[in-house]
Each structure stands twice: as structure tokens, then as C-alpha cells.
Amino acid sequence: MSSTVFSAEKRASAKILFLAGLLFSLSPWASPPLALAIGLVLGLTIGNPFHHATKRITTMLLQASVVGLGFGMNLNQVLKAGRSGFVYTALGICFALGLGMMLTRALKVKPTAGFLIATGTAICGGSAIAAVGPVAGANEEEMSVALGTVFILNSVALLTFPGIGAALHLSQTQFGLWAALAIHDTSSVVGAAAKYGALALAVGTTVKLARALWIVPMCVATAAVKRSRAHIHWPWFIGLFVLAAVANSFLPAEAAMFHRLYRLGIAGLTATLYLIGSGVSRDTLKTVGARPLLQGVLLWMVVAVTSFLVIRYGVIGL
């Protein structure tokens, strides 16, 4: 009886702490990296008491937040960054996929899990894995391994990239482009870029969303190879982001309202990162295992260093 009461009290305390952290992530004192760090601490200690509910909410909140960020973007910036980043993104995706599959074989990672890790690194992290996984015929364990690997590395990138960029004296444009090419998830790209500056946020968001469009041809190509009839998840929120940027660019009379929507997008993104952090538990670390995590780390390091060098020395730029 006493153990049951204690267990109920422990669950209640975990729920209170989780909700307190969520409220803080929505406050003016929170920042994306801080919200992620708090979420990680909770996830690795007491765990997320609303894991199943927040797992469903996180994706929708991220997409709504990205659309909100569109109300702070200028259409000319969106088109310029998307157009300039297209070639870099195509080359980067081919490079990351090729190297990722080589590492899959070298480290003897299960082929489907290795392919998903490579796809998540090449395109846009969890979104790409969630879209391509069913088409590739991935089972629940393979999806968990790939998503866990990407979420762990996303957390590291969000916390470390702004400091690295500042230490290496990257301009805001350079950092935004580097974040878009080297960080997996849209949420972490936006979080890191927002910490670095407004121009970095504009560049990072637009190039990353242009990169996310590659989910569609990747799903189609995977379905053709696997001869799968699985449903393809279309990234409709990217189109809404562009429409928001169009509205912000051509309806100056509504600037005050658009600014409020943009601030809501930032707040939603911060809460999203808190939820993502809280989803990384000790069980996640155990599920991932050493070899898939090593594949993800090695692939990510090569992509990050290579993209940094080509940006720093002017091989590519906006």
C-alpha cells in the first residue's frame, strides 16, 4: 500500500515538474538552447510523464512554429536563400547519403537503420526519417534507433554550434548556411540560428526548408527501389511558410499582427525543443546502441567539418 502511494506521489511530482518546465519554456526568460537543456535533464532523470501525448504534439507544434516564423521573413530573402542553397543542398545530400551507406556497411549497422540515419543526416533529421521510414519498410526498432541517434546529435548541435560559430568568427550569413547544412532537424537549425542573430535565423530557416523539400523525391526514389506502396507524407507546412513570408512582404499594413505571429513562432519553437529534449531518455540511449550512434557521430562530424570549410573559404556562399 505504501509503495503504491509513493509511486502515485512520484508520478504526480514528475507531472508537476514537467509542466513547470513547459511553462518556463514559454516564458520570456527561456531561450531555445536553455529549453532543450532543461528538457534533456528531465528526460534523463525523471522521464517525460506525458511521453505518448507529447510525441504526437511535437511534430504539429514544430510545423506551426515554422509557419509562424515565416511572418518574420522577407520574400526576397526566402527566394534568394532557397535558390542559392539548392545546388549546395543537392551536392550535400548526395555526399551525406553516399558516405552514410559506406559507414553502414563498415560498421555493420542494420541496413535499414543505417539508411535512415544517413537520410536523416542528409535531409532534415526526424522529419525525413518519419517520412522515409514507412516507405523503406522500417520496423519500430529501426525507426527508434534512427530517431534516437538524430535526436541525441541534434541536442549536441543546438547547444554547441552557436559557441563554435562565435569562436571561429563566422558571420551571421555564414553561420546560418552552416547550420542549415550541418544540423539535422529544422527545429535545431532554427534554435541555433536564432541564438546567433536575426540574419542567421533568416538564412538558416530558408535554406533548411529548401533542403526539407528533398523529402519528397527521396520518398519517391525509395518507394521505386523498394517497390513500396506506402503513403508519402508531403511537407505542406513549407508551402505555408512561404505564404506567410509573402504576406509579410506585401501587406505592410498588417506588420504589427505579423510580428506577433512571428513571436508566437519563436515561443512555439522553444516549447518544441523542450518537448524534444524531454523525449531523450536513458531507454533511448540504450536502444540506440554503440554502432548506429557511432555511424551517426562520424557521418555528422564529416558533414559538419566539410560544410564549414567550404563556407569559411568561400567555395559556397549566399
C-alpha atoms as a PDB file:
ATOM      1  CA  MET A   1       0.000   0.000   0.000  1.00  0.00           C
ATOM      2  CA  SER A   2       2.723   2.461   0.965  1.00  0.00           C
ATOM      3  CA  SER A   3       4.727   1.681  -2.192  1.00  0.00           C
ATOM      4  CA  THR A   4       1.618   2.340  -4.304  1.00  0.00           C
ATOM      5  CA  VAL A   5       1.094   5.694  -2.625  1.00  0.00           C
ATOM      6  CA  PHE A   6       4.777   6.543  -3.094  1.00  0.00           C
ATOM      7  CA  SER A   7       4.587   5.604  -6.764  1.00  0.00           C
ATOM      8  CA  ALA A   8       1.499   7.779  -7.243  1.00  0.00           C
ATOM      9  CA  GLU A   9       3.196  10.690  -5.457  1.00  0.00           C
ATOM     10  CA  LYS A  10       6.300  10.242  -7.627  1.00  0.00           C
ATOM     11  CA  ARG A  11       4.231  10.328 -10.796  1.00  0.00           C
ATOM     12  CA  ALA A  12       2.402  13.425  -9.601  1.00  0.00           C
ATOM     13  CA  SER A  13       5.719  15.165  -8.822  1.00  0.00           C
ATOM     14  CA  ALA A  14       7.069  14.244 -12.263  1.00  0.00           C
ATOM     15  CA  LYS A  15       3.976  15.735 -13.912  1.00  0.00           C
ATOM     16  CA  ILE A  16       4.282  18.955 -11.899  1.00  0.00           C
ATOM     17  CA  LEU A  17       7.993  19.322 -12.761  1.00  0.00           C
ATOM     18  CA  PHE A  18       7.326  18.616 -16.437  1.00  0.00           C
ATOM     19  CA  LEU A  19       4.525  21.185 -16.650  1.00  0.00           C
ATOM     20  CA  ALA A  20       6.636  23.731 -14.761  1.00  0.00           C
ATOM     21  CA  GLY A  21       9.431  23.241 -17.297  1.00  0.00           C
ATOM     22  CA  LEU A  22       6.958  23.634 -20.170  1.00  0.00           C
ATOM     23  CA  LEU A  23       5.610  26.873 -18.712  1.00  0.00           C
ATOM     24  CA  PHE A  24       9.144  28.188 -18.268  1.00  0.00           C
ATOM     25  CA  SER A  25       9.967  27.347 -21.911  1.00  0.00           C
ATOM     26  CA  LEU A  26       7.066  29.617 -22.913  1.00  0.00           C
ATOM     27  CA  SER A  27       8.259  32.480 -20.709  1.00  0.00           C
ATOM     28  CA  PRO A  28      10.369  35.474 -21.851  1.00  0.00           C
ATOM     29  CA  TRP A  29      13.334  34.146 -19.828  1.00  0.00           C
ATOM     30  CA  ALA A  30      13.666  30.940 -21.864  1.00  0.00           C
ATOM     31  CA  SER A  31      15.810  30.506 -24.979  1.00  0.00           C
ATOM     32  CA  PRO A  32      15.814  27.535 -27.395  1.00  0.00           C
ATOM     33  CA  PRO A  33      19.122  26.049 -26.112  1.00  0.00           C
ATOM     34  CA  LEU A  34      18.091  26.512 -22.471  1.00  0.00           C
ATOM     35  CA  ALA A  35      14.679  24.921 -23.078  1.00  0.00           C
ATOM     36  CA  LEU A  36      16.333  21.952 -24.776  1.00  0.00           C
ATOM     37  CA  ALA A  37      18.832  21.568 -21.914  1.00  0.00           C
ATOM     38  CA  ILE A  38      16.053  21.592 -19.303  1.00  0.00           C
ATOM     39  CA  GLY A  39      14.096  19.046 -21.335  1.00  0.00           C
ATOM     40  CA  LEU A  40      17.140  16.781 -21.581  1.00  0.00           C
ATOM     41  CA  VAL A  41      17.738  16.932 -17.822  1.00  0.00           C
ATOM     42  CA  LEU A  42      14.115  15.994 -17.137  1.00  0.00           C
ATOM     43  CA  GLY A  43      14.108  13.255 -19.774  1.00  0.00           C
ATOM     44  CA  LEU A  44      17.293  11.641 -18.460  1.00  0.00           C
ATOM     45  CA  THR A  45      16.304  11.865 -14.775  1.00  0.00           C
ATOM     46  CA  ILE A  46      12.583  11.613 -14.087  1.00  0.00           C
ATOM     47  CA  GLY A  47      11.461  10.955 -17.660  1.00  0.00           C
ATOM     48  CA  ASN A  48       8.567  12.508 -19.592  1.00  0.00           C
ATOM     49  CA  PRO A  49       5.293  11.541 -17.826  1.00  0.00           C
ATOM     50  CA  PHE A  50       3.287  12.554 -20.915  1.00  0.00           C
ATOM     51  CA  HIS A  51       5.526  10.825 -23.444  1.00  0.00           C
ATOM     52  CA  HIS A  52       2.829   9.479 -25.775  1.00  0.00           C
ATOM     53  CA  ALA A  53       0.822  12.716 -25.832  1.00  0.00           C
ATOM     54  CA  THR A  54       3.829  14.993 -26.382  1.00  0.00           C
ATOM     55  CA  LYS A  55       5.184  12.734 -29.131  1.00  0.00           C
ATOM     56  CA  ARG A  56       2.067  13.496 -31.192  1.00  0.00           C
ATOM     57  CA  ILE A  57       2.007  17.184 -30.298  1.00  0.00           C
ATOM     58  CA  THR A  58       5.696  17.885 -31.022  1.00  0.00           C
ATOM     59  CA  THR A  59       5.505  17.449 -34.804  1.00  0.00           C
ATOM     60  CA  MET A  60       2.392  19.617 -35.154  1.00  0.00           C
ATOM     61  CA  LEU A  61       3.818  22.302 -32.867  1.00  0.00           C
ATOM     62  CA  LEU A  62       7.091  22.373 -34.816  1.00  0.00           C
ATOM     63  CA  GLN A  63       5.296  22.783 -38.137  1.00  0.00           C
ATOM     64  CA  ALA A  64       3.010  25.525 -36.776  1.00  0.00           C
ATOM     65  CA  SER A  65       6.047  27.304 -35.285  1.00  0.00           C
ATOM     66  CA  VAL A  66       7.903  27.226 -38.612  1.00  0.00           C
ATOM     67  CA  VAL A  67       4.871  28.776 -40.316  1.00  0.00           C
ATOM     68  CA  GLY A  68       4.837  31.452 -37.605  1.00  0.00           C
ATOM     69  CA  LEU A  69       8.497  32.203 -38.290  1.00  0.00           C
ATOM     70  CA  GLY A  70       7.539  32.863 -41.907  1.00  0.00           C
ATOM     71  CA  PHE A  71       5.763  36.033 -40.764  1.00  0.00           C
ATOM     72  CA  GLY A  72       9.163  37.428 -39.801  1.00  0.00           C
ATOM     73  CA  MET A  73      10.779  36.671 -43.161  1.00  0.00           C
ATOM     74  CA  ASN A  74      11.110  38.798 -46.282  1.00  0.00           C
ATOM     75  CA  LEU A  75      10.141  37.020 -49.511  1.00  0.00           C
ATOM     76  CA  ASN A  76      13.270  38.214 -51.293  1.00  0.00           C
ATOM     77  CA  GLN A  77      15.406  36.594 -48.572  1.00  0.00           C
ATOM     78  CA  VAL A  78      13.413  33.368 -48.810  1.00  0.00           C
ATOM     79  CA  LEU A  79      13.738  33.143 -52.608  1.00  0.00           C
ATOM     80  CA  LYS A  80      17.409  34.149 -52.660  1.00  0.00           C
ATOM     81  CA  ALA A  81      18.456  31.705 -49.965  1.00  0.00           C
ATOM     82  CA  GLY A  82      16.345  28.898 -51.401  1.00  0.00           C
ATOM     83  CA  ARG A  83      17.668  29.455 -54.930  1.00  0.00           C
ATOM     84  CA  SER A  84      21.311  29.790 -53.871  1.00  0.00           C
ATOM     85  CA  GLY A  85      21.103  26.875 -51.456  1.00  0.00           C
ATOM     86  CA  PHE A  86      19.569  24.463 -53.996  1.00  0.00           C
ATOM     87  CA  VAL A  87      22.828  23.350 -55.609  1.00  0.00           C
ATOM     88  CA  TYR A  88      24.681  23.179 -52.282  1.00  0.00           C
ATOM     89  CA  THR A  89      21.866  21.143 -50.797  1.00  0.00           C
ATOM     90  CA  ALA A  90      21.779  18.690 -53.722  1.00  0.00           C
ATOM     91  CA  LEU A  91      25.537  18.103 -53.539  1.00  0.00           C
ATOM     92  CA  GLY A  92      25.441  17.861 -49.742  1.00  0.00           C
ATOM     93  CA  ILE A  93      22.617  15.304 -49.781  1.00  0.00           C
ATOM     94  CA  CYS A  94      24.422  13.064 -52.303  1.00  0.00           C
ATOM     95  CA  PHE A  95      27.646  13.297 -50.295  1.00  0.00           C
ATOM     96  CA  ALA A  96      25.965  12.521 -46.948  1.00  0.00           C
ATOM     97  CA  LEU A  97      23.919   9.618 -48.329  1.00  0.00           C
ATOM     98  CA  GLY A  98      26.917   8.033 -50.052  1.00  0.00           C
ATOM     99  CA  LEU A  99      29.175   8.343 -47.010  1.00  0.00           C
ATOM    100  CA  GLY A 100      26.363   7.231 -44.700  1.00  0.00           C
ATOM    101  CA  MET A 101      25.829   3.969 -46.593  1.00  0.00           C
ATOM    102  CA  MET A 102      29.592   3.316 -46.656  1.00  0.00           C
ATOM    103  CA  LEU A 103      29.677   3.717 -42.869  1.00  0.00           C
ATOM    104  CA  THR A 104      26.613   1.469 -42.536  1.00  0.00           C
ATOM    105  CA  ARG A 105      28.500  -1.364 -44.214  1.00  0.00           C
ATOM    106  CA  ALA A 106      31.827  -0.655 -42.494  1.00  0.00           C
ATOM    107  CA  LEU A 107      30.291  -0.581 -39.002  1.00  0.00           C
ATOM    108  CA  LYS A 108      27.867  -3.453 -39.742  1.00  0.00           C
ATOM    109  CA  VAL A 109      24.798  -1.417 -38.813  1.00  0.00           C
ATOM    110  CA  LYS A 110      21.476  -2.942 -39.888  1.00  0.00           C
ATOM    111  CA  PRO A 111      20.928  -1.702 -43.480  1.00  0.00           C
ATOM    112  CA  THR A 112      17.524  -0.076 -42.978  1.00  0.00           C
ATOM    113  CA  ALA A 113      18.535   1.667 -39.737  1.00  0.00           C
ATOM    114  CA  GLY A 114      21.776   2.823 -41.371  1.00  0.00           C
ATOM    115  CA  PHE A 115      19.886   4.131 -44.399  1.00  0.00           C
ATOM    116  CA  LEU A 116      17.505   6.086 -42.164  1.00  0.00           C
ATOM    117  CA  ILE A 117      20.374   7.617 -40.178  1.00  0.00           C
ATOM    118  CA  ALA A 118      22.052   8.636 -43.450  1.00  0.00           C
ATOM    119  CA  THR A 119      18.765  10.066 -44.763  1.00  0.00           C
ATOM    120  CA  GLY A 120      18.124  11.995 -41.549  1.00  0.00           C
ATOM    121  CA  THR A 121      21.634  13.469 -41.664  1.00  0.00           C
ATOM    122  CA  ALA A 122      21.395  14.298 -45.368  1.00  0.00           C
ATOM    123  CA  ILE A 123      17.983  15.983 -45.392  1.00  0.00           C
ATOM    124  CA  CYS A 124      16.223  17.090 -42.222  1.00  0.00           C
ATOM    125  CA  GLY A 125      16.563  14.700 -39.340  1.00  0.00           C
ATOM    126  CA  GLY A 126      13.451  13.296 -37.700  1.00  0.00           C
ATOM    127  CA  SER A 127      11.075  14.639 -40.365  1.00  0.00           C
ATOM    128  CA  ALA A 128      12.922  12.800 -43.122  1.00  0.00           C
ATOM    129  CA  ILE A 129      13.153   9.606 -41.054  1.00  0.00           C
ATOM    130  CA  ALA A 130       9.436   9.732 -40.216  1.00  0.00           C
ATOM    131  CA  ALA A 131       8.552  10.203 -43.909  1.00  0.00           C
ATOM    132  CA  VAL A 132      11.017   7.747 -45.461  1.00  0.00           C
ATOM    133  CA  GLY A 133      10.861   5.039 -42.754  1.00  0.00           C
ATOM    134  CA  PRO A 134       7.446   3.558 -43.676  1.00  0.00           C
ATOM    135  CA  VAL A 135       8.330   3.684 -47.383  1.00  0.00           C
ATOM    136  CA  ALA A 136      11.600   1.826 -46.676  1.00  0.00           C
ATOM    137  CA  GLY A 137       9.725  -0.820 -44.679  1.00  0.00           C
ATOM    138  CA  ALA A 138      11.430   0.066 -41.385  1.00  0.00           C
ATOM    139  CA  ASN A 139      10.149  -1.628 -38.241  1.00  0.00           C
ATOM    140  CA  GLU A 140       9.594   0.103 -34.895  1.00  0.00           C
ATOM    141  CA  GLU A 141      13.056  -0.759 -33.558  1.00  0.00           C
ATOM    142  CA  GLU A 142      14.819   0.590 -36.674  1.00  0.00           C
ATOM    143  CA  MET A 143      12.779   3.793 -36.509  1.00  0.00           C
ATOM    144  CA  SER A 144      13.594   4.188 -32.804  1.00  0.00           C
ATOM    145  CA  VAL A 145      17.323   3.681 -33.388  1.00  0.00           C
ATOM    146  CA  ALA A 146      17.455   6.217 -36.232  1.00  0.00           C
ATOM    147  CA  LEU A 147      15.308   8.807 -34.447  1.00  0.00           C
ATOM    148  CA  GLY A 148      17.193   8.359 -31.178  1.00  0.00           C
ATOM    149  CA  THR A 149      20.544   8.851 -32.901  1.00  0.00           C
ATOM    150  CA  VAL A 150      19.385  12.016 -34.652  1.00  0.00           C
ATOM    151  CA  PHE A 151      17.725  13.476 -31.549  1.00  0.00           C
ATOM    152  CA  ILE A 152      20.881  12.996 -29.466  1.00  0.00           C
ATOM    153  CA  LEU A 153      23.083  14.678 -32.085  1.00  0.00           C
ATOM    154  CA  ASN A 154      20.519  17.461 -32.575  1.00  0.00           C
ATOM    155  CA  SER A 155      20.738  18.233 -28.887  1.00  0.00           C
ATOM    156  CA  VAL A 156      24.525  18.419 -29.033  1.00  0.00           C
ATOM    157  CA  ALA A 157      24.438  20.661 -32.129  1.00  0.00           C
ATOM    158  CA  LEU A 158      21.935  23.111 -30.701  1.00  0.00           C
ATOM    159  CA  LEU A 159      23.962  23.541 -27.529  1.00  0.00           C
ATOM    160  CA  THR A 160      27.399  23.783 -29.172  1.00  0.00           C
ATOM    161  CA  PHE A 161      27.068  25.333 -32.646  1.00  0.00           C
ATOM    162  CA  PRO A 162      26.436  28.983 -31.615  1.00  0.00           C
ATOM    163  CA  GLY A 163      29.546  28.935 -29.399  1.00  0.00           C
ATOM    164  CA  ILE A 164      31.658  27.300 -32.107  1.00  0.00           C
ATOM    165  CA  GLY A 165      30.455  29.806 -34.705  1.00  0.00           C
ATOM    166  CA  ALA A 166      31.301  32.738 -32.426  1.00  0.00           C
ATOM    167  CA  ALA A 167      34.726  31.304 -31.568  1.00  0.00           C
ATOM    168  CA  LEU A 168      35.526  30.861 -35.264  1.00  0.00           C
ATOM    169  CA  HIS A 169      34.212  34.356 -36.133  1.00  0.00           C
ATOM    170  CA  LEU A 170      31.576  33.235 -38.632  1.00  0.00           C
ATOM    171  CA  SER A 171      29.359  35.988 -39.990  1.00  0.00           C
ATOM    172  CA  GLN A 172      25.622  35.607 -39.459  1.00  0.00           C
ATOM    173  CA  THR A 173      25.129  34.614 -43.102  1.00  0.00           C
ATOM    174  CA  GLN A 174      27.915  32.034 -42.879  1.00  0.00           C
ATOM    175  CA  PHE A 175      26.561  30.596 -39.635  1.00  0.00           C
ATOM    176  CA  GLY A 176      23.006  30.374 -40.950  1.00  0.00           C
ATOM    177  CA  LEU A 177      24.178  28.487 -44.031  1.00  0.00           C
ATOM    178  CA  TRP A 178      26.440  26.212 -41.952  1.00  0.00           C
ATOM    179  CA  ALA A 179      23.645  25.409 -39.501  1.00  0.00           C
ATOM    180  CA  ALA A 180      21.239  24.596 -42.351  1.00  0.00           C
ATOM    181  CA  LEU A 181      23.743  22.218 -43.983  1.00  0.00           C
ATOM    182  CA  ALA A 182      25.235  20.607 -40.864  1.00  0.00           C
ATOM    183  CA  ILE A 183      22.409  20.301 -38.294  1.00  0.00           C
ATOM    184  CA  HIS A 184      19.809  17.588 -38.735  1.00  0.00           C
ATOM    185  CA  ASP A 185      16.389  18.886 -37.661  1.00  0.00           C
ATOM    186  CA  THR A 186      14.679  22.118 -38.686  1.00  0.00           C
ATOM    187  CA  SER A 187      13.911  22.836 -35.027  1.00  0.00           C
ATOM    188  CA  SER A 188      17.571  22.707 -34.002  1.00  0.00           C
ATOM    189  CA  VAL A 189      18.688  24.739 -37.029  1.00  0.00           C
ATOM    190  CA  VAL A 190      16.192  27.466 -36.162  1.00  0.00           C
ATOM    191  CA  GLY A 191      17.076  27.317 -32.469  1.00  0.00           C
ATOM    192  CA  ALA A 192      20.821  27.620 -33.063  1.00  0.00           C
ATOM    193  CA  ALA A 193      20.413  30.317 -35.726  1.00  0.00           C
ATOM    194  CA  ALA A 194      18.021  32.348 -33.539  1.00  0.00           C
ATOM    195  CA  LYS A 195      20.649  32.322 -30.801  1.00  0.00           C
ATOM    196  CA  TYR A 196      23.255  33.631 -33.291  1.00  0.00           C
ATOM    197  CA  GLY A 197      21.249  36.503 -34.767  1.00  0.00           C
ATOM    198  CA  ALA A 198      18.312  37.643 -36.914  1.00  0.00           C
ATOM    199  CA  LEU A 199      20.144  37.330 -40.254  1.00  0.00           C
ATOM    200  CA  ALA A 200      21.462  33.891 -39.305  1.00  0.00           C
ATOM    201  CA  LEU A 201      17.868  32.890 -38.497  1.00  0.00           C
ATOM    202  CA  ALA A 202      16.577  34.092 -41.874  1.00  0.00           C
ATOM    203  CA  VAL A 203      19.312  32.306 -43.833  1.00  0.00           C
ATOM    204  CA  GLY A 204      19.256  29.135 -41.735  1.00  0.00           C
ATOM    205  CA  THR A 205      15.473  28.754 -41.844  1.00  0.00           C
ATOM    206  CA  THR A 206      15.063  29.318 -45.585  1.00  0.00           C
ATOM    207  CA  VAL A 207      17.960  27.096 -46.679  1.00  0.00           C
ATOM    208  CA  LYS A 208      16.873  24.357 -44.259  1.00  0.00           C
ATOM    209  CA  LEU A 209      13.291  24.433 -45.515  1.00  0.00           C
ATOM    210  CA  ALA A 210      14.539  24.285 -49.113  1.00  0.00           C
ATOM    211  CA  ARG A 211      16.555  21.251 -48.025  1.00  0.00           C
ATOM    212  CA  ALA A 212      13.467  19.699 -46.408  1.00  0.00           C
ATOM    213  CA  LEU A 213      11.710  19.706 -49.801  1.00  0.00           C
ATOM    214  CA  TRP A 214      14.027  16.852 -50.767  1.00  0.00           C
ATOM    215  CA  ILE A 215      11.906  14.600 -48.539  1.00  0.00           C
ATOM    216  CA  VAL A 216       9.511  14.200 -51.469  1.00  0.00           C
ATOM    217  CA  PRO A 217      11.960  12.951 -54.152  1.00  0.00           C
ATOM    218  CA  MET A 218      13.698  10.815 -51.507  1.00  0.00           C
ATOM    219  CA  CYS A 219      10.389   9.116 -50.647  1.00  0.00           C
ATOM    220  CA  VAL A 220       9.596   8.605 -54.332  1.00  0.00           C
ATOM    221  CA  ALA A 221      13.067   7.167 -55.059  1.00  0.00           C
ATOM    222  CA  THR A 222      12.916   4.883 -52.002  1.00  0.00           C
ATOM    223  CA  ALA A 223       9.445   3.671 -52.979  1.00  0.00           C
ATOM    224  CA  ALA A 224      10.703   2.916 -56.504  1.00  0.00           C
ATOM    225  CA  VAL A 225      13.685   0.929 -55.207  1.00  0.00           C
ATOM    226  CA  LYS A 226      11.613  -0.904 -52.571  1.00  0.00           C
ATOM    227  CA  ARG A 227       8.558  -1.070 -54.854  1.00  0.00           C
ATOM    228  CA  SER A 228       6.564   0.165 -51.888  1.00  0.00           C
ATOM    229  CA  ARG A 229       3.003   1.480 -51.980  1.00  0.00           C
ATOM    230  CA  ALA A 230       3.366   3.191 -48.603  1.00  0.00           C
ATOM    231  CA  HIS A 231       1.819   6.631 -48.195  1.00  0.00           C
ATOM    232  CA  ILE A 232       4.220   9.554 -48.709  1.00  0.00           C
ATOM    233  CA  HIS A 233       3.982  12.369 -46.164  1.00  0.00           C
ATOM    234  CA  TRP A 234       4.068  15.692 -48.043  1.00  0.00           C
ATOM    235  CA  PRO A 235       5.686  18.614 -46.165  1.00  0.00           C
ATOM    236  CA  TRP A 236       2.744  21.014 -46.632  1.00  0.00           C
ATOM    237  CA  PHE A 237       3.933  23.328 -43.855  1.00  0.00           C
ATOM    238  CA  ILE A 238       6.804  24.536 -46.073  1.00  0.00           C
ATOM    239  CA  GLY A 239       4.291  25.985 -48.530  1.00  0.00           C
ATOM    240  CA  LEU A 240       2.506  27.737 -45.656  1.00  0.00           C
ATOM    241  CA  PHE A 241       5.863  29.162 -44.520  1.00  0.00           C
ATOM    242  CA  VAL A 242       6.361  30.696 -47.981  1.00  0.00           C
ATOM    243  CA  LEU A 243       2.793  32.103 -47.957  1.00  0.00           C
ATOM    244  CA  ALA A 244       3.491  33.673 -44.558  1.00  0.00           C
ATOM    245  CA  ALA A 245       6.644  35.281 -45.980  1.00  0.00           C
ATOM    246  CA  VAL A 246       4.606  36.560 -48.969  1.00  0.00           C
ATOM    247  CA  ALA A 247       2.046  38.111 -46.625  1.00  0.00           C
ATOM    248  CA  ASN A 248       4.751  39.751 -44.519  1.00  0.00           C
ATOM    249  CA  SER A 249       6.459  41.145 -47.634  1.00  0.00           C
ATOM    250  CA  PHE A 250       3.421  42.599 -49.396  1.00  0.00           C
ATOM    251  CA  LEU A 251       0.999  43.565 -46.614  1.00  0.00           C
ATOM    252  CA  PRO A 252       2.885  46.197 -44.590  1.00  0.00           C
ATOM    253  CA  ALA A 253      -0.360  47.436 -43.017  1.00  0.00           C
ATOM    254  CA  GLU A 254      -0.567  44.175 -41.066  1.00  0.00           C
ATOM    255  CA  ALA A 255       3.031  44.376 -39.813  1.00  0.00           C
ATOM    256  CA  ALA A 256       2.053  44.546 -36.135  1.00  0.00           C
ATOM    257  CA  MET A 257      -0.085  41.398 -36.354  1.00  0.00           C
ATOM    258  CA  PHE A 258       2.589  39.542 -38.351  1.00  0.00           C
ATOM    259  CA  HIS A 259       5.193  40.455 -35.748  1.00  0.00           C
ATOM    260  CA  ARG A 260       3.003  38.927 -33.023  1.00  0.00           C
ATOM    261  CA  LEU A 261       2.612  35.752 -35.087  1.00  0.00           C
ATOM    262  CA  TYR A 262       6.389  35.652 -35.573  1.00  0.00           C
ATOM    263  CA  ARG A 263       6.933  35.944 -31.801  1.00  0.00           C
ATOM    264  CA  LEU A 264       4.438  33.117 -31.290  1.00  0.00           C
ATOM    265  CA  GLY A 265       6.502  31.067 -33.736  1.00  0.00           C
ATOM    266  CA  ILE A 266       9.641  31.661 -31.651  1.00  0.00           C
ATOM    267  CA  ALA A 267       7.769  30.730 -28.455  1.00  0.00           C
ATOM    268  CA  GLY A 268       6.369  27.596 -30.096  1.00  0.00           C
ATOM    269  CA  LEU A 269       9.809  26.584 -31.300  1.00  0.00           C
ATOM    270  CA  THR A 270      11.266  26.989 -27.798  1.00  0.00           C
ATOM    271  CA  ALA A 271       8.498  24.790 -26.361  1.00  0.00           C
ATOM    272  CA  THR A 272       9.073  22.260 -29.157  1.00  0.00           C
ATOM    273  CA  LEU A 273      12.738  21.950 -28.246  1.00  0.00           C
ATOM    274  CA  TYR A 274      11.806  21.435 -24.597  1.00  0.00           C
ATOM    275  CA  LEU A 275       9.479  18.590 -25.635  1.00  0.00           C
ATOM    276  CA  ILE A 276      12.146  17.075 -27.896  1.00  0.00           C
ATOM    277  CA  GLY A 277      14.692  17.176 -25.068  1.00  0.00           C
ATOM    278  CA  SER A 278      12.285  15.545 -22.632  1.00  0.00           C
ATOM    279  CA  GLY A 279      11.835  12.693 -25.110  1.00  0.00           C
ATOM    280  CA  VAL A 280      15.505  11.652 -24.883  1.00  0.00           C
ATOM    281  CA  SER A 281      15.536   9.137 -22.023  1.00  0.00           C
ATOM    282  CA  ARG A 282      18.016   6.593 -20.704  1.00  0.00           C
ATOM    283  CA  ASP A 283      15.992   3.945 -22.554  1.00  0.00           C
ATOM    284  CA  THR A 284      16.567   5.923 -25.782  1.00  0.00           C
ATOM    285  CA  LEU A 285      20.320   5.806 -25.225  1.00  0.00           C
ATOM    286  CA  LYS A 286      20.171   2.056 -24.593  1.00  0.00           C
ATOM    287  CA  THR A 287      18.000   1.443 -27.664  1.00  0.00           C
ATOM    288  CA  VAL A 288      20.332   3.322 -29.995  1.00  0.00           C
ATOM    289  CA  GLY A 289      23.372   1.212 -29.120  1.00  0.00           C
ATOM    290  CA  ALA A 290      27.018   1.877 -29.916  1.00  0.00           C
ATOM    291  CA  ARG A 291      27.344   1.149 -33.644  1.00  0.00           C
ATOM    292  CA  PRO A 292      24.406   3.207 -35.006  1.00  0.00           C
ATOM    293  CA  LEU A 293      25.398   6.078 -32.718  1.00  0.00           C
ATOM    294  CA  LEU A 294      28.996   5.825 -33.936  1.00  0.00           C
ATOM    295  CA  GLN A 295      27.766   5.881 -37.538  1.00  0.00           C
ATOM    296  CA  GLY A 296      25.674   8.973 -36.810  1.00  0.00           C
ATOM    297  CA  VAL A 297      28.504  10.755 -34.998  1.00  0.00           C
ATOM    298  CA  LEU A 298      31.132  10.039 -37.668  1.00  0.00           C
ATOM    299  CA  LEU A 299      28.808  10.998 -40.517  1.00  0.00           C
ATOM    300  CA  TRP A 300      27.710  14.175 -38.760  1.00  0.00           C
ATOM    301  CA  MET A 301      31.280  15.219 -37.943  1.00  0.00           C
ATOM    302  CA  VAL A 302      32.430  14.791 -41.542  1.00  0.00           C
ATOM    303  CA  VAL A 303      29.394  16.695 -42.895  1.00  0.00           C
ATOM    304  CA  ALA A 304      29.813  19.482 -40.311  1.00  0.00           C
ATOM    305  CA  VAL A 305      33.560  19.927 -40.882  1.00  0.00           C
ATOM    306  CA  THR A 306      33.302  19.710 -44.679  1.00  0.00           C
ATOM    307  CA  SER A 307      30.427  22.195 -44.893  1.00  0.00           C
ATOM    308  CA  PHE A 308      32.234  24.551 -42.504  1.00  0.00           C
ATOM    309  CA  LEU A 309      35.402  24.507 -44.602  1.00  0.00           C
ATOM    310  CA  VAL A 310      33.661  25.158 -47.915  1.00  0.00           C
ATOM    311  CA  ILE A 311      31.690  28.028 -46.365  1.00  0.00           C
ATOM    312  CA  ARG A 312      34.636  29.529 -44.480  1.00  0.00           C
ATOM    313  CA  TYR A 313      36.910  29.557 -47.527  1.00  0.00           C
ATOM    314  CA  GLY A 314      34.271  30.911 -49.890  1.00  0.00           C
ATOM    315  CA  VAL A 315      33.683  27.804 -52.005  1.00  0.00           C
ATOM    316  CA  ILE A 316      29.969  28.335 -51.386  1.00  0.00           C
ATOM    317  CA  GLY A 317      28.077  31.336 -50.059  1.00  0.00           C
ATOM    318  CA  LEU A 318      24.952  33.455 -50.409  1.00  0.00           C
END
